[in-house]
């Protein structure tokens, strides 16, 4: 029973992989994107990154704060690639 509890309480996290493609910095996000990870991503982006691509192919879950953050990223010129359908739809419905 205790083993089942520890498995049930394990929370999926966000993995952030950084790479470069020509003149772009590509951040590949995998897992769960929530408010607490938005802070970490904001700090990464505030460094010297100018041309950013966010690859969202492996994002499994996102909360409302994350959706607003992604909308702001796109509005600020970041390119969103491989955006899951539910994320794209939610972003289009979300108001500022």
N, C-alpha and C. Protein backbone atom coordinates (compact mmCIF):
# COMPACT_ATOMS: atom_id res chain seq x y z
N UNK A 1 0.82 -1.19 0.00
CA UNK A 1 0.00 0.00 0.00
C UNK A 1 0.87 1.26 0.00
N UNK A 2 1.96 1.28 0.78
CA UNK A 2 2.81 2.47 0.84
C UNK A 2 3.46 2.75 -0.51
N UNK A 3 3.83 1.69 -1.24
CA UNK A 3 4.44 1.90 -2.55
C UNK A 3 3.46 2.56 -3.51
N UNK A 4 2.20 2.16 -3.44
CA UNK A 4 1.20 2.77 -4.30
C UNK A 4 1.01 4.23 -3.96
N UNK A 5 1.07 4.59 -2.70
CA UNK A 5 0.93 5.99 -2.30
C UNK A 5 2.06 6.84 -2.88
N UNK A 6 3.28 6.36 -2.80
CA UNK A 6 4.39 7.16 -3.30
C UNK A 6 4.30 7.35 -4.81
N UNK A 7 3.83 6.35 -5.52
CA UNK A 7 3.65 6.48 -6.96
C UNK A 7 2.55 7.49 -7.26
N UNK A 8 1.47 7.43 -6.52
CA UNK A 8 0.34 8.32 -6.75
C UNK A 8 0.69 9.78 -6.47
N UNK A 9 1.61 10.03 -5.54
CA UNK A 9 1.95 11.40 -5.19
C UNK A 9 3.10 11.96 -6.02
N UNK A 10 3.70 11.12 -6.87
CA UNK A 10 4.77 11.62 -7.73
C UNK A 10 4.17 12.54 -8.77
N UNK A 11 4.72 13.75 -8.86
CA UNK A 11 4.19 14.75 -9.78
C UNK A 11 5.08 14.85 -11.00
N UNK A 12 4.46 14.86 -12.15
CA UNK A 12 5.19 15.05 -13.40
C UNK A 12 5.81 16.45 -13.38
N UNK A 13 7.02 16.56 -13.84
CA UNK A 13 7.69 17.85 -13.87
C UNK A 13 7.93 18.29 -15.31
N UNK A 14 8.50 19.46 -15.44
CA UNK A 14 8.81 20.00 -16.75
C UNK A 14 10.30 19.82 -17.01
N UNK A 15 10.61 19.28 -18.16
CA UNK A 15 11.99 19.17 -18.60
C UNK A 15 12.21 20.24 -19.65
N UNK A 16 13.33 20.94 -19.54
CA UNK A 16 13.68 22.01 -20.48
C UNK A 16 15.01 21.66 -21.12
N UNK A 17 15.00 21.44 -22.41
CA UNK A 17 16.24 21.18 -23.15
C UNK A 17 16.51 22.38 -24.03
N UNK A 18 17.76 22.82 -24.03
CA UNK A 18 18.14 23.98 -24.84
C UNK A 18 19.09 23.54 -25.94
N UNK A 19 18.85 24.05 -27.14
CA UNK A 19 19.73 23.77 -28.27
C UNK A 19 19.75 25.01 -29.15
N UNK A 20 20.53 24.96 -30.20
CA UNK A 20 20.56 26.08 -31.14
C UNK A 20 20.23 25.56 -32.54
N UNK A 21 19.59 26.43 -33.30
CA UNK A 21 19.27 26.15 -34.69
C UNK A 21 19.49 27.44 -35.45
N UNK A 22 20.54 27.46 -36.24
CA UNK A 22 20.96 28.66 -36.94
C UNK A 22 21.12 29.80 -35.93
N UNK A 23 20.35 30.85 -36.04
CA UNK A 23 20.50 31.99 -35.12
C UNK A 23 19.48 31.97 -33.99
N UNK A 24 18.80 30.83 -33.80
CA UNK A 24 17.76 30.72 -32.79
C UNK A 24 18.21 29.83 -31.62
N UNK A 25 17.73 30.18 -30.44
CA UNK A 25 17.84 29.30 -29.28
C UNK A 25 16.52 28.56 -29.18
N UNK A 26 16.58 27.23 -29.17
CA UNK A 26 15.38 26.40 -29.13
C UNK A 26 15.26 25.79 -27.74
N UNK A 27 14.11 26.04 -27.12
CA UNK A 27 13.80 25.41 -25.84
C UNK A 27 12.74 24.36 -26.11
N UNK A 28 13.08 23.11 -25.87
CA UNK A 28 12.14 22.01 -26.02
C UNK A 28 11.59 21.68 -24.64
N UNK A 29 10.27 21.81 -24.51
CA UNK A 29 9.61 21.59 -23.22
C UNK A 29 8.91 20.24 -23.23
N UNK A 30 9.09 19.49 -22.14
CA UNK A 30 8.47 18.17 -22.02
C UNK A 30 7.85 18.04 -20.64
N UNK A 31 6.60 17.58 -20.59
CA UNK A 31 5.94 17.33 -19.31
C UNK A 31 4.84 18.31 -19.02
N UNK A 32 4.82 18.75 -17.77
CA UNK A 32 3.74 19.61 -17.25
C UNK A 32 4.24 21.05 -17.13
N UNK A 33 3.54 21.98 -17.78
CA UNK A 33 3.89 23.40 -17.74
C UNK A 33 2.87 24.12 -16.88
N UNK A 34 3.33 24.57 -15.70
CA UNK A 34 2.45 25.25 -14.75
C UNK A 34 3.09 26.54 -14.27
N UNK A 35 2.36 27.27 -13.45
CA UNK A 35 2.79 28.58 -12.98
C UNK A 35 4.21 28.57 -12.41
N UNK A 36 4.54 27.56 -11.62
CA UNK A 36 5.87 27.54 -11.00
C UNK A 36 6.99 27.42 -12.04
N UNK A 37 6.74 26.73 -13.15
CA UNK A 37 7.75 26.63 -14.21
C UNK A 37 7.81 27.90 -15.06
N UNK A 38 6.73 28.64 -15.11
CA UNK A 38 6.71 29.90 -15.86
C UNK A 38 7.78 30.84 -15.31
N UNK A 39 7.92 30.89 -14.01
CA UNK A 39 8.94 31.73 -13.38
C UNK A 39 10.33 31.33 -13.84
N UNK A 40 10.60 30.04 -13.86
CA UNK A 40 11.91 29.54 -14.30
C UNK A 40 12.16 29.88 -15.77
N UNK A 41 11.16 29.68 -16.59
CA UNK A 41 11.30 30.00 -18.02
C UNK A 41 11.53 31.49 -18.23
N UNK A 42 10.81 32.32 -17.49
CA UNK A 42 10.98 33.77 -17.61
C UNK A 42 12.42 34.16 -17.30
N UNK A 43 13.00 33.56 -16.26
CA UNK A 43 14.39 33.84 -15.92
C UNK A 43 15.34 33.41 -17.04
N UNK A 44 15.08 32.26 -17.64
CA UNK A 44 15.91 31.81 -18.76
C UNK A 44 15.82 32.78 -19.93
N UNK A 45 14.62 33.21 -20.24
CA UNK A 45 14.41 34.09 -21.39
C UNK A 45 14.95 35.49 -21.14
N UNK A 46 15.01 35.91 -19.89
CA UNK A 46 15.50 37.24 -19.56
C UNK A 46 17.01 37.35 -19.72
N UNK A 47 17.68 36.21 -19.84
CA UNK A 47 19.12 36.25 -20.08
C UNK A 47 19.33 36.73 -21.51
N UNK A 48 20.41 36.47 -22.09
CA UNK A 48 20.77 37.06 -23.38
C UNK A 48 20.17 36.36 -24.59
N UNK A 49 18.98 35.82 -24.48
CA UNK A 49 18.37 35.14 -25.62
C UNK A 49 17.49 36.12 -26.38
N UNK A 50 17.72 36.23 -27.65
CA UNK A 50 16.96 37.17 -28.45
C UNK A 50 15.98 36.47 -29.39
N UNK A 51 16.43 35.47 -30.08
CA UNK A 51 15.60 34.74 -31.04
C UNK A 51 15.27 33.37 -30.45
N UNK A 52 14.07 33.23 -29.95
CA UNK A 52 13.70 32.02 -29.23
C UNK A 52 12.60 31.26 -29.97
N UNK A 53 12.78 29.94 -30.01
CA UNK A 53 11.75 29.03 -30.49
C UNK A 53 11.39 28.13 -29.31
N UNK A 54 10.09 28.00 -29.05
CA UNK A 54 9.62 27.06 -28.03
C UNK A 54 9.03 25.86 -28.75
N UNK A 55 9.62 24.70 -28.54
CA UNK A 55 9.10 23.46 -29.11
C UNK A 55 8.24 22.80 -28.03
N UNK A 56 6.94 22.74 -28.28
CA UNK A 56 5.98 22.28 -27.27
C UNK A 56 5.46 20.87 -27.55
N UNK A 57 6.09 20.14 -28.43
CA UNK A 57 5.61 18.81 -28.83
C UNK A 57 5.36 17.89 -27.64
N UNK A 58 6.19 17.94 -26.63
CA UNK A 58 6.09 17.01 -25.51
C UNK A 58 5.39 17.59 -24.28
N UNK A 59 4.75 18.75 -24.41
CA UNK A 59 3.99 19.31 -23.29
C UNK A 59 2.72 18.49 -23.13
N UNK A 60 2.55 17.90 -21.96
CA UNK A 60 1.41 17.02 -21.71
C UNK A 60 0.27 17.72 -21.01
N UNK A 61 0.58 18.65 -20.13
CA UNK A 61 -0.42 19.40 -19.38
C UNK A 61 0.03 20.84 -19.25
N UNK A 62 -0.93 21.75 -19.24
CA UNK A 62 -0.63 23.17 -19.03
C UNK A 62 -1.77 23.77 -18.21
N UNK A 63 -1.43 24.73 -17.35
CA UNK A 63 -2.48 25.41 -16.60
C UNK A 63 -2.73 26.78 -17.22
N UNK A 64 -3.67 27.50 -16.65
CA UNK A 64 -4.07 28.80 -17.21
C UNK A 64 -2.93 29.82 -17.23
N UNK A 65 -2.13 29.84 -16.17
CA UNK A 65 -0.99 30.76 -16.11
C UNK A 65 -0.02 30.45 -17.26
N UNK A 66 0.20 29.17 -17.51
CA UNK A 66 1.10 28.76 -18.59
C UNK A 66 0.56 29.19 -19.95
N UNK A 67 -0.74 29.04 -20.14
CA UNK A 67 -1.35 29.44 -21.41
C UNK A 67 -1.20 30.95 -21.64
N UNK A 68 -1.44 31.73 -20.60
CA UNK A 68 -1.25 33.19 -20.72
C UNK A 68 0.21 33.52 -21.01
N UNK A 69 1.12 32.81 -20.37
CA UNK A 69 2.55 32.99 -20.60
C UNK A 69 2.90 32.69 -22.06
N UNK A 70 2.39 31.58 -22.59
CA UNK A 70 2.68 31.22 -23.98
C UNK A 70 2.11 32.25 -24.95
N UNK A 71 0.93 32.78 -24.66
CA UNK A 71 0.35 33.84 -25.50
C UNK A 71 1.26 35.07 -25.49
N UNK A 72 1.77 35.43 -24.32
CA UNK A 72 2.66 36.58 -24.21
C UNK A 72 3.97 36.33 -24.97
N UNK A 73 4.48 35.09 -24.88
CA UNK A 73 5.70 34.75 -25.62
C UNK A 73 5.49 34.95 -27.11
N UNK A 74 4.38 34.44 -27.63
CA UNK A 74 4.08 34.58 -29.06
C UNK A 74 3.91 36.05 -29.43
N UNK A 75 3.24 36.82 -28.57
CA UNK A 75 3.03 38.24 -28.83
C UNK A 75 4.35 39.01 -28.84
N UNK A 76 5.34 38.51 -28.10
CA UNK A 76 6.65 39.15 -28.03
C UNK A 76 7.61 38.64 -29.10
N UNK A 77 7.11 37.86 -30.05
CA UNK A 77 7.93 37.44 -31.17
C UNK A 77 8.56 36.07 -31.08
N UNK A 78 8.31 35.34 -30.01
CA UNK A 78 8.83 33.99 -29.93
C UNK A 78 8.01 33.08 -30.83
N UNK A 79 8.67 32.13 -31.45
CA UNK A 79 7.99 31.18 -32.32
C UNK A 79 7.62 29.94 -31.49
N UNK A 80 6.35 29.52 -31.59
CA UNK A 80 5.90 28.31 -30.91
C UNK A 80 5.80 27.22 -31.97
N UNK A 81 6.52 26.13 -31.75
CA UNK A 81 6.50 25.01 -32.69
C UNK A 81 5.84 23.81 -32.05
N UNK A 82 5.21 22.99 -32.88
CA UNK A 82 4.63 21.72 -32.44
C UNK A 82 3.68 21.90 -31.25
N UNK A 83 2.90 22.93 -31.32
CA UNK A 83 1.98 23.26 -30.24
C UNK A 83 0.83 22.25 -30.22
N UNK A 84 0.61 21.55 -29.07
CA UNK A 84 -0.51 20.61 -29.00
C UNK A 84 -1.82 21.33 -29.30
N UNK A 85 -2.75 20.62 -29.92
CA UNK A 85 -4.02 21.21 -30.35
C UNK A 85 -4.77 21.86 -29.18
N UNK A 86 -4.80 21.19 -28.02
CA UNK A 86 -5.54 21.77 -26.90
C UNK A 86 -4.91 23.07 -26.42
N UNK A 87 -3.58 23.18 -26.51
CA UNK A 87 -2.90 24.41 -26.10
C UNK A 87 -3.22 25.53 -27.09
N UNK A 88 -3.15 25.24 -28.37
CA UNK A 88 -3.47 26.25 -29.40
C UNK A 88 -4.90 26.75 -29.25
N UNK A 89 -5.82 25.82 -29.05
CA UNK A 89 -7.22 26.22 -28.91
C UNK A 89 -7.43 27.07 -27.66
N UNK A 90 -6.84 26.66 -26.55
CA UNK A 90 -6.98 27.41 -25.30
C UNK A 90 -6.36 28.79 -25.45
N UNK A 91 -5.22 28.87 -26.09
CA UNK A 91 -4.57 30.18 -26.30
C UNK A 91 -5.46 31.09 -27.12
N UNK A 92 -6.12 30.56 -28.12
CA UNK A 92 -6.97 31.39 -28.96
C UNK A 92 -8.23 31.88 -28.22
N UNK A 93 -8.65 31.13 -27.22
CA UNK A 93 -9.84 31.51 -26.45
C UNK A 93 -9.53 32.38 -25.25
N UNK A 94 -8.30 32.37 -24.80
CA UNK A 94 -7.92 33.10 -23.58
C UNK A 94 -7.87 34.60 -23.85
N UNK A 95 -8.43 35.35 -22.95
CA UNK A 95 -8.40 36.81 -23.03
C UNK A 95 -7.28 37.34 -22.13
N UNK A 96 -6.77 38.50 -22.47
CA UNK A 96 -5.70 39.11 -21.66
C UNK A 96 -6.13 39.48 -20.29
